[in-house]
Amino acid sequence: MMQSTSEYVNPKHSLLDIMNKFIAATNNMDETVMVPTLLRDVPVEADGEECDSELNNNVGSAGTSKHRDMYERYLLLKSIRNDIEWGLLKREMNGGISLRELESREGEEGKDLESQLHYHLRGLFGVLSKLTIQANHLTTRYKQEIGGGSFTI
């Protein structure tokens, strides 16, 4: 039996809900950050604020953070939002990895598709939750820094 749109209820922990929360957080961040270049050279962690290893696990092979300042984090979050809103086709058209290449690299053809989907959904939920927190954190930090009159490094 098919549900009509009037009967449709968006579960709190659905993929659409978590994606909408992330997009809303990045849209809020984008609307709040009027001058993104002010985020250059502003460290991701505030003074006295410890780096939360679960949220800042973008660590390179040398152990240094890939996103050294708030500006790089801002660009990353906007890029991910665009990928979610426009899909990978746009990235492919701009010279990124093609969907065909991605499909050919997948060596899991014989595995159970349902278990693969569940595995990737769990990962997607975790990543989107962390990215939503990062976007909200960046927005809050920007408001604090602008409200204080100047950035502290």
N, C-alpha and C. Protein backbone atom coordinates (compact mmCIF):
# COMPACT_ATOMS: atom_id res chain seq x y z
N MET A 1 0.84 -1.17 0.00
CA MET A 1 0.00 0.00 0.00
C MET A 1 0.89 1.24 0.00
N MET A 2 0.55 2.17 -0.82
CA MET A 2 1.36 3.37 -0.95
C MET A 2 0.77 4.50 -0.11
N GLN A 3 1.66 5.26 0.55
CA GLN A 3 1.20 6.39 1.35
C GLN A 3 1.03 7.62 0.48
N SER A 4 -0.02 8.36 0.75
CA SER A 4 -0.17 9.63 0.05
C SER A 4 0.68 10.67 0.75
N THR A 5 0.91 11.78 0.09
CA THR A 5 1.77 12.82 0.67
C THR A 5 1.19 13.38 1.95
N SER A 6 -0.13 13.37 2.11
CA SER A 6 -0.73 13.88 3.34
C SER A 6 -0.48 12.94 4.52
N GLU A 7 -0.26 11.65 4.24
CA GLU A 7 0.00 10.68 5.29
C GLU A 7 1.49 10.55 5.60
N TYR A 8 2.32 11.12 4.78
CA TYR A 8 3.76 10.97 4.93
C TYR A 8 4.26 11.68 6.18
N VAL A 9 5.00 10.96 6.99
CA VAL A 9 5.61 11.54 8.18
C VAL A 9 7.11 11.33 8.06
N ASN A 10 7.86 12.40 8.19
CA ASN A 10 9.31 12.31 8.09
C ASN A 10 9.88 11.87 9.43
N PRO A 11 10.35 10.63 9.52
CA PRO A 11 10.92 10.17 10.79
C PRO A 11 12.10 11.03 11.21
N LYS A 12 12.26 11.16 12.51
CA LYS A 12 13.28 12.04 13.07
C LYS A 12 14.70 11.63 12.65
N HIS A 13 14.92 10.36 12.49
CA HIS A 13 16.26 9.88 12.18
C HIS A 13 16.37 9.34 10.75
N SER A 14 15.66 9.95 9.83
CA SER A 14 15.73 9.51 8.44
C SER A 14 16.92 10.18 7.75
N LEU A 15 17.30 9.63 6.64
CA LEU A 15 18.39 10.19 5.85
C LEU A 15 18.04 11.60 5.38
N LEU A 16 16.79 11.80 4.96
CA LEU A 16 16.37 13.13 4.51
C LEU A 16 16.44 14.14 5.64
N ASP A 17 16.07 13.73 6.84
CA ASP A 17 16.10 14.64 7.98
C ASP A 17 17.53 15.06 8.31
N ILE A 18 18.45 14.12 8.35
CA ILE A 18 19.84 14.45 8.69
C ILE A 18 20.46 15.30 7.59
N MET A 19 20.12 15.03 6.32
CA MET A 19 20.63 15.85 5.23
C MET A 19 20.06 17.26 5.30
N ASN A 20 18.78 17.38 5.60
CA ASN A 20 18.16 18.71 5.73
C ASN A 20 18.76 19.49 6.89
N LYS A 21 19.06 18.82 8.00
CA LYS A 21 19.70 19.50 9.13
C LYS A 21 21.07 20.03 8.74
N PHE A 22 21.84 19.22 8.02
CA PHE A 22 23.17 19.66 7.58
C PHE A 22 23.05 20.83 6.61
N ILE A 23 22.16 20.73 5.65
CA ILE A 23 21.99 21.81 4.67
C ILE A 23 21.52 23.08 5.35
N ALA A 24 20.59 22.95 6.31
CA ALA A 24 20.12 24.13 7.05
C ALA A 24 21.26 24.76 7.85
N ALA A 25 22.09 23.93 8.48
CA ALA A 25 23.21 24.46 9.26
C ALA A 25 24.22 25.17 8.36
N THR A 26 24.52 24.60 7.18
CA THR A 26 25.47 25.25 6.28
C THR A 26 24.86 26.49 5.63
N ASN A 27 23.56 26.48 5.36
CA ASN A 27 22.92 27.70 4.85
C ASN A 27 22.96 28.81 5.89
N ASN A 28 22.70 28.46 7.15
CA ASN A 28 22.78 29.43 8.24
C ASN A 28 24.22 29.96 8.36
N MET A 29 25.19 29.06 8.26
CA MET A 29 26.60 29.46 8.31
C MET A 29 26.90 30.42 7.16
N ASP A 30 26.44 30.08 5.97
CA ASP A 30 26.71 30.90 4.79
C ASP A 30 26.07 32.28 4.89
N GLU A 31 24.86 32.34 5.46
CA GLU A 31 24.18 33.62 5.64
C GLU A 31 24.83 34.45 6.75
N THR A 32 25.37 33.80 7.76
CA THR A 32 25.99 34.51 8.89
C THR A 32 27.36 35.04 8.53
N VAL A 33 28.14 34.23 7.83
CA VAL A 33 29.52 34.62 7.48
C VAL A 33 29.46 35.54 6.27
N MET A 34 29.48 36.83 6.54
CA MET A 34 29.37 37.83 5.48
C MET A 34 30.70 38.04 4.75
N VAL A 35 31.81 37.90 5.46
CA VAL A 35 33.13 38.09 4.87
C VAL A 35 33.97 36.85 5.20
N PRO A 36 33.87 35.81 4.36
CA PRO A 36 34.56 34.55 4.66
C PRO A 36 36.07 34.69 4.82
N THR A 37 36.68 35.65 4.13
CA THR A 37 38.14 35.78 4.22
C THR A 37 38.58 36.19 5.62
N LEU A 38 37.67 36.70 6.44
CA LEU A 38 38.03 37.01 7.83
C LEU A 38 38.33 35.74 8.62
N LEU A 39 37.92 34.60 8.10
CA LEU A 39 38.17 33.33 8.77
C LEU A 39 39.58 32.80 8.52
N ARG A 40 40.30 33.42 7.59
CA ARG A 40 41.68 32.98 7.31
C ARG A 40 42.53 33.14 8.56
N ASP A 41 43.38 32.19 8.80
CA ASP A 41 44.33 32.18 9.92
C ASP A 41 43.65 32.14 11.28
N VAL A 42 42.35 31.93 11.34
CA VAL A 42 41.67 31.73 12.62
C VAL A 42 41.69 30.23 12.89
N PRO A 43 42.32 29.82 13.99
CA PRO A 43 42.41 28.38 14.26
C PRO A 43 41.03 27.76 14.46
N VAL A 44 40.93 26.49 14.16
CA VAL A 44 39.66 25.78 14.28
C VAL A 44 39.22 25.74 15.74
N GLU A 45 40.17 25.59 16.67
CA GLU A 45 39.84 25.55 18.09
C GLU A 45 40.00 26.95 18.67
N ALA A 46 39.07 27.35 19.54
CA ALA A 46 39.18 28.63 20.24
C ALA A 46 40.21 28.50 21.35
N ASP A 47 40.67 29.63 21.90
CA ASP A 47 41.61 29.59 23.01
C ASP A 47 41.04 28.78 24.16
N GLY A 48 41.84 27.84 24.66
CA GLY A 48 41.40 27.02 25.78
C GLY A 48 40.43 25.92 25.39
N GLU A 49 40.06 25.85 24.15
CA GLU A 49 39.11 24.84 23.69
C GLU A 49 39.91 23.69 23.10
N GLU A 50 39.68 22.49 23.61
CA GLU A 50 40.42 21.34 23.12
C GLU A 50 39.82 20.84 21.82
N CYS A 51 40.67 20.28 21.01
CA CYS A 51 40.23 19.71 19.73
C CYS A 51 39.48 18.42 20.01
N ASP A 52 38.23 18.37 19.64
CA ASP A 52 37.43 17.17 19.81
C ASP A 52 37.83 16.19 18.70
N SER A 53 38.48 15.11 19.09
CA SER A 53 39.03 14.18 18.10
C SER A 53 37.96 13.56 17.23
N GLU A 54 36.75 13.41 17.74
CA GLU A 54 35.70 12.82 16.91
C GLU A 54 35.20 13.78 15.84
N LEU A 55 35.23 15.08 16.13
CA LEU A 55 34.73 16.05 15.16
C LEU A 55 35.82 16.55 14.24
N ASN A 56 37.05 16.51 14.68
CA ASN A 56 38.16 17.03 13.89
C ASN A 56 39.09 15.89 13.50
N ASN A 57 38.56 14.86 12.89
CA ASN A 57 39.39 13.74 12.52
C ASN A 57 39.85 13.82 11.07
N ASN A 58 39.96 15.02 10.54
CA ASN A 58 40.50 15.24 9.21
C ASN A 58 42.01 15.37 9.34
N VAL A 59 42.67 14.27 9.62
CA VAL A 59 44.10 14.31 9.88
C VAL A 59 44.84 13.72 8.71
N GLY A 60 45.86 14.42 8.28
CA GLY A 60 46.67 13.95 7.18
C GLY A 60 47.64 12.87 7.63
N SER A 61 48.42 12.36 6.70
CA SER A 61 49.33 11.28 7.01
C SER A 61 50.43 11.70 7.96
N ALA A 62 50.81 12.96 7.95
CA ALA A 62 51.86 13.44 8.84
C ALA A 62 51.31 13.80 10.21
N GLY A 63 50.01 13.64 10.42
CA GLY A 63 49.41 13.94 11.71
C GLY A 63 48.94 15.37 11.83
N THR A 64 49.10 16.16 10.77
CA THR A 64 48.65 17.55 10.82
C THR A 64 47.23 17.63 10.30
N SER A 65 46.49 18.57 10.79
CA SER A 65 45.10 18.73 10.37
C SER A 65 45.04 19.19 8.92
N LYS A 66 44.16 18.61 8.13
CA LYS A 66 43.99 19.02 6.74
C LYS A 66 43.38 20.40 6.66
N HIS A 67 42.56 20.75 7.64
CA HIS A 67 41.87 22.04 7.64
C HIS A 67 42.47 22.88 8.76
N ARG A 68 43.48 23.66 8.41
CA ARG A 68 44.26 24.38 9.40
C ARG A 68 43.54 25.58 9.98
N ASP A 69 42.62 26.15 9.24
CA ASP A 69 41.92 27.32 9.77
C ASP A 69 40.43 27.24 9.45
N MET A 70 39.70 28.20 10.03
CA MET A 70 38.25 28.21 9.88
C MET A 70 37.83 28.45 8.43
N TYR A 71 38.65 29.17 7.67
CA TYR A 71 38.32 29.44 6.27
C TYR A 71 38.31 28.14 5.46
N GLU A 72 39.30 27.29 5.68
CA GLU A 72 39.34 26.01 4.97
C GLU A 72 38.16 25.13 5.37
N ARG A 73 37.80 25.15 6.65
CA ARG A 73 36.65 24.39 7.12
C ARG A 73 35.37 24.92 6.47
N TYR A 74 35.26 26.24 6.37
CA TYR A 74 34.10 26.90 5.74
C TYR A 74 33.97 26.43 4.29
N LEU A 75 35.07 26.45 3.54
CA LEU A 75 35.04 26.02 2.14
C LEU A 75 34.68 24.54 2.01
N LEU A 76 35.20 23.71 2.91
CA LEU A 76 34.88 22.29 2.89
C LEU A 76 33.39 22.05 3.10
N LEU A 77 32.82 22.71 4.11
CA LEU A 77 31.40 22.52 4.41
C LEU A 77 30.52 22.98 3.24
N LYS A 78 30.88 24.10 2.61
CA LYS A 78 30.11 24.57 1.45
C LYS A 78 30.23 23.59 0.28
N SER A 79 31.41 23.04 0.08
CA SER A 79 31.63 22.09 -1.01
C SER A 79 30.80 20.82 -0.80
N ILE A 80 30.77 20.33 0.43
CA ILE A 80 29.98 19.13 0.72
C ILE A 80 28.50 19.42 0.53
N ARG A 81 28.05 20.60 0.96
CA ARG A 81 26.64 20.97 0.76
C ARG A 81 26.30 20.98 -0.73
N ASN A 82 27.19 21.54 -1.55
CA ASN A 82 26.94 21.57 -3.00
C ASN A 82 26.89 20.16 -3.58
N ASP A 83 27.76 19.26 -3.10
CA ASP A 83 27.73 17.88 -3.57
C ASP A 83 26.40 17.21 -3.23
N ILE A 84 25.88 17.49 -2.04
CA ILE A 84 24.61 16.90 -1.63
C ILE A 84 23.46 17.47 -2.46
N GLU A 85 23.47 18.80 -2.65
CA GLU A 85 22.37 19.44 -3.37
C GLU A 85 22.40 19.17 -4.87
N TRP A 86 23.57 19.12 -5.46
CA TRP A 86 23.68 19.01 -6.92
C TRP A 86 24.13 17.64 -7.40
N GLY A 87 24.60 16.80 -6.50
CA GLY A 87 25.03 15.46 -6.87
C GLY A 87 26.46 15.44 -7.38
N LEU A 88 26.93 14.24 -7.67
CA LEU A 88 28.30 14.06 -8.12
C LEU A 88 28.48 14.40 -9.59
N LEU A 89 27.40 14.47 -10.34
CA LEU A 89 27.49 14.76 -11.77
C LEU A 89 28.15 16.12 -12.00
N LYS A 90 27.82 17.11 -11.17
CA LYS A 90 28.42 18.43 -11.30
C LYS A 90 29.93 18.37 -11.08
N ARG A 91 30.36 17.59 -10.07
CA ARG A 91 31.79 17.44 -9.81
C ARG A 91 32.46 16.73 -10.99
N GLU A 92 31.77 15.72 -11.55
CA GLU A 92 32.31 14.99 -12.69
C GLU A 92 32.50 15.92 -13.88
N MET A 93 31.55 16.83 -14.10
CA MET A 93 31.63 17.76 -15.22
C MET A 93 32.77 18.76 -15.01
N ASN A 94 33.15 19.00 -13.76
CA ASN A 94 34.23 19.94 -13.46
C ASN A 94 35.58 19.24 -13.32
N GLY A 95 35.69 18.01 -13.80
CA GLY A 95 36.98 17.34 -13.83
C GLY A 95 37.23 16.39 -12.68
N GLY A 96 36.25 16.12 -11.84
CA GLY A 96 36.42 15.19 -10.73
C GLY A 96 36.29 13.75 -11.21
N ILE A 97 36.32 12.83 -10.28
CA ILE A 97 36.19 11.42 -10.62
C ILE A 97 34.80 11.16 -11.20
N SER A 98 34.73 10.37 -12.25
CA SER A 98 33.44 10.11 -12.89
C SER A 98 32.71 9.00 -12.16
N LEU A 99 31.41 8.96 -12.35
CA LEU A 99 30.61 7.92 -11.72
C LEU A 99 30.99 6.55 -12.27
N ARG A 100 31.34 6.49 -13.54
CA ARG A 100 31.75 5.20 -14.13
C ARG A 100 33.04 4.71 -13.50
N GLU A 101 34.00 5.62 -13.29
CA GLU A 101 35.25 5.22 -12.63
C GLU A 101 34.97 4.73 -11.22
N LEU A 102 34.08 5.43 -10.52
CA LEU A 102 33.74 5.05 -9.16
C LEU A 102 33.11 3.66 -9.14
N GLU A 103 32.20 3.41 -10.09
CA GLU A 103 31.55 2.11 -10.16
C GLU A 103 32.55 1.01 -10.51
N SER A 104 33.50 1.30 -11.39
CA SER A 104 34.46 0.28 -11.78
C SER A 104 35.44 -0.04 -10.66
N ARG A 105 35.66 0.90 -9.76
CA ARG A 105 36.57 0.67 -8.63
C ARG A 105 35.94 -0.18 -7.55
N GLU A 106 34.62 -0.27 -7.55
CA GLU A 106 33.93 -1.04 -6.52
C GLU A 106 34.16 -2.52 -6.79
N GLY A 107 34.80 -3.20 -5.87
CA GLY A 107 35.06 -4.61 -6.04
C GLY A 107 34.10 -5.48 -5.25
N GLU A 108 32.99 -4.92 -4.83
CA GLU A 108 32.08 -5.62 -3.95
C GLU A 108 30.85 -6.12 -4.70
N GLU A 109 31.00 -6.49 -5.95
CA GLU A 109 29.86 -6.85 -6.78
C GLU A 109 29.10 -8.06 -6.25
N GLY A 110 29.79 -9.01 -5.64
CA GLY A 110 29.13 -10.24 -5.20
C GLY A 110 28.51 -10.15 -3.82
N LYS A 111 28.69 -9.06 -3.11
CA LYS A 111 28.19 -8.95 -1.74
C LYS A 111 26.71 -8.58 -1.71
N ASP A 112 26.12 -8.76 -0.56
CA ASP A 112 24.71 -8.45 -0.35
C ASP A 112 24.48 -6.95 -0.43
N LEU A 113 23.63 -6.52 -1.35
CA LEU A 113 23.38 -5.09 -1.56
C LEU A 113 22.73 -4.43 -0.35
N GLU A 114 21.85 -5.15 0.32
CA GLU A 114 21.18 -4.57 1.49
C GLU A 114 22.19 -4.28 2.61
N SER A 115 23.09 -5.18 2.86
CA SER A 115 24.08 -4.94 3.92
C SER A 115 25.04 -3.82 3.52
N GLN A 116 25.36 -3.72 2.22
CA GLN A 116 26.19 -2.61 1.76
C GLN A 116 25.48 -1.28 1.99
N LEU A 117 24.19 -1.23 1.67
CA LEU A 117 23.42 -0.01 1.87
C LEU A 117 23.39 0.38 3.35
N HIS A 118 23.14 -0.58 4.23
CA HIS A 118 23.09 -0.29 5.66
C HIS A 118 24.45 0.20 6.16
N TYR A 119 25.51 -0.39 5.70
CA TYR A 119 26.86 0.03 6.09
C TYR A 119 27.10 1.49 5.68
N HIS A 120 26.77 1.82 4.46
CA HIS A 120 27.00 3.18 3.96
C HIS A 120 26.05 4.19 4.61
N LEU A 121 24.83 3.79 4.89
CA LEU A 121 23.89 4.69 5.57
C LEU A 121 24.39 5.03 6.97
N ARG A 122 24.89 4.02 7.70
CA ARG A 122 25.44 4.30 9.04
C ARG A 122 26.59 5.29 8.95
N GLY A 123 27.46 5.08 7.99
CA GLY A 123 28.58 6.00 7.80
C GLY A 123 28.11 7.39 7.42
N LEU A 124 27.13 7.47 6.54
CA LEU A 124 26.60 8.75 6.10
C LEU A 124 25.93 9.50 7.25
N PHE A 125 25.17 8.79 8.07
CA PHE A 125 24.55 9.42 9.24
C PHE A 125 25.61 9.99 10.16
N GLY A 126 26.64 9.21 10.43
CA GLY A 126 27.70 9.67 11.33
C GLY A 126 28.43 10.88 10.80
N VAL A 127 28.80 10.85 9.53
CA VAL A 127 29.53 11.96 8.92
C VAL A 127 28.67 13.21 8.85
N LEU A 128 27.43 13.08 8.42
CA LEU A 128 26.55 14.26 8.31
C LEU A 128 26.27 14.87 9.68
N SER A 129 26.14 14.04 10.71
CA SER A 129 25.94 14.57 12.07
C SER A 129 27.15 15.39 12.51
N LYS A 130 28.35 14.86 12.27
CA LYS A 130 29.57 15.58 12.64
C LYS A 130 29.72 16.88 11.83
N LEU A 131 29.41 16.82 10.54
CA LEU A 131 29.52 18.02 9.71
C LEU A 131 28.50 19.09 10.12
N THR A 132 27.32 18.67 10.54
CA THR A 132 26.31 19.62 11.02
C THR A 132 26.82 20.32 12.27
N ILE A 133 27.42 19.56 13.18
CA ILE A 133 27.99 20.15 14.39
C ILE A 133 29.10 21.12 14.03
N GLN A 134 29.95 20.76 13.07
CA GLN A 134 31.04 21.65 12.65
C GLN A 134 30.50 22.94 12.05
N ALA A 135 29.45 22.86 11.23
CA ALA A 135 28.87 24.07 10.62
C ALA A 135 28.28 24.97 11.70
N ASN A 136 27.59 24.38 12.67
CA ASN A 136 27.04 25.17 13.77
C ASN A 136 28.15 25.80 14.61
N HIS A 137 29.22 25.05 14.84
CA HIS A 137 30.36 25.56 15.60
C HIS A 137 31.02 26.73 14.87
N LEU A 138 31.22 26.60 13.58
CA LEU A 138 31.83 27.67 12.79
C LEU A 138 30.96 28.93 12.84
N THR A 139 29.66 28.77 12.72
CA THR A 139 28.74 29.91 12.79
C THR A 139 28.83 30.60 14.14
N THR A 140 28.83 29.82 15.21
CA THR A 140 28.93 30.38 16.56
C THR A 140 30.26 31.10 16.76
N ARG A 141 31.35 30.48 16.31
CA ARG A 141 32.67 31.10 16.45
C ARG A 141 32.75 32.41 15.68
N TYR A 142 32.18 32.44 14.47
CA TYR A 142 32.19 33.66 13.66
C TYR A 142 31.43 34.76 14.39
N LYS A 143 30.26 34.43 14.93
CA LYS A 143 29.48 35.42 15.66
C LYS A 143 30.25 35.94 16.88
N GLN A 144 30.93 35.05 17.60
CA GLN A 144 31.70 35.46 18.77
C GLN A 144 32.85 36.37 18.37
N GLU A 145 33.55 35.99 17.31
CA GLU A 145 34.71 36.77 16.89
C GLU A 145 34.30 38.13 16.35
N ILE A 146 33.25 38.19 15.55
CA ILE A 146 32.79 39.46 15.01
C ILE A 146 32.22 40.34 16.12
N GLY A 147 31.49 39.72 17.04
CA GLY A 147 30.92 40.46 18.16
C GLY A 147 31.99 41.05 19.05
N GLY A 148 33.14 40.37 19.13
CA GLY A 148 34.25 40.85 19.95
C GLY A 148 35.04 41.95 19.28
N GLY A 149 34.81 42.18 18.01
CA GLY A 149 35.48 43.27 17.30
C GLY A 149 36.66 42.83 16.48
N SER A 150 37.38 41.79 16.92
CA SER A 150 38.53 41.34 16.13
C SER A 150 38.78 39.87 16.42
N PHE A 151 39.46 39.24 15.49
CA PHE A 151 39.80 37.85 15.65
C PHE A 151 41.03 37.72 16.53
N THR A 152 41.04 36.71 17.37
CA THR A 152 42.22 36.42 18.18
C THR A 152 42.88 35.18 17.62
N ILE A 153 44.16 35.26 17.47
CA ILE A 153 44.89 34.12 16.89
C ILE A 153 45.76 33.50 17.94
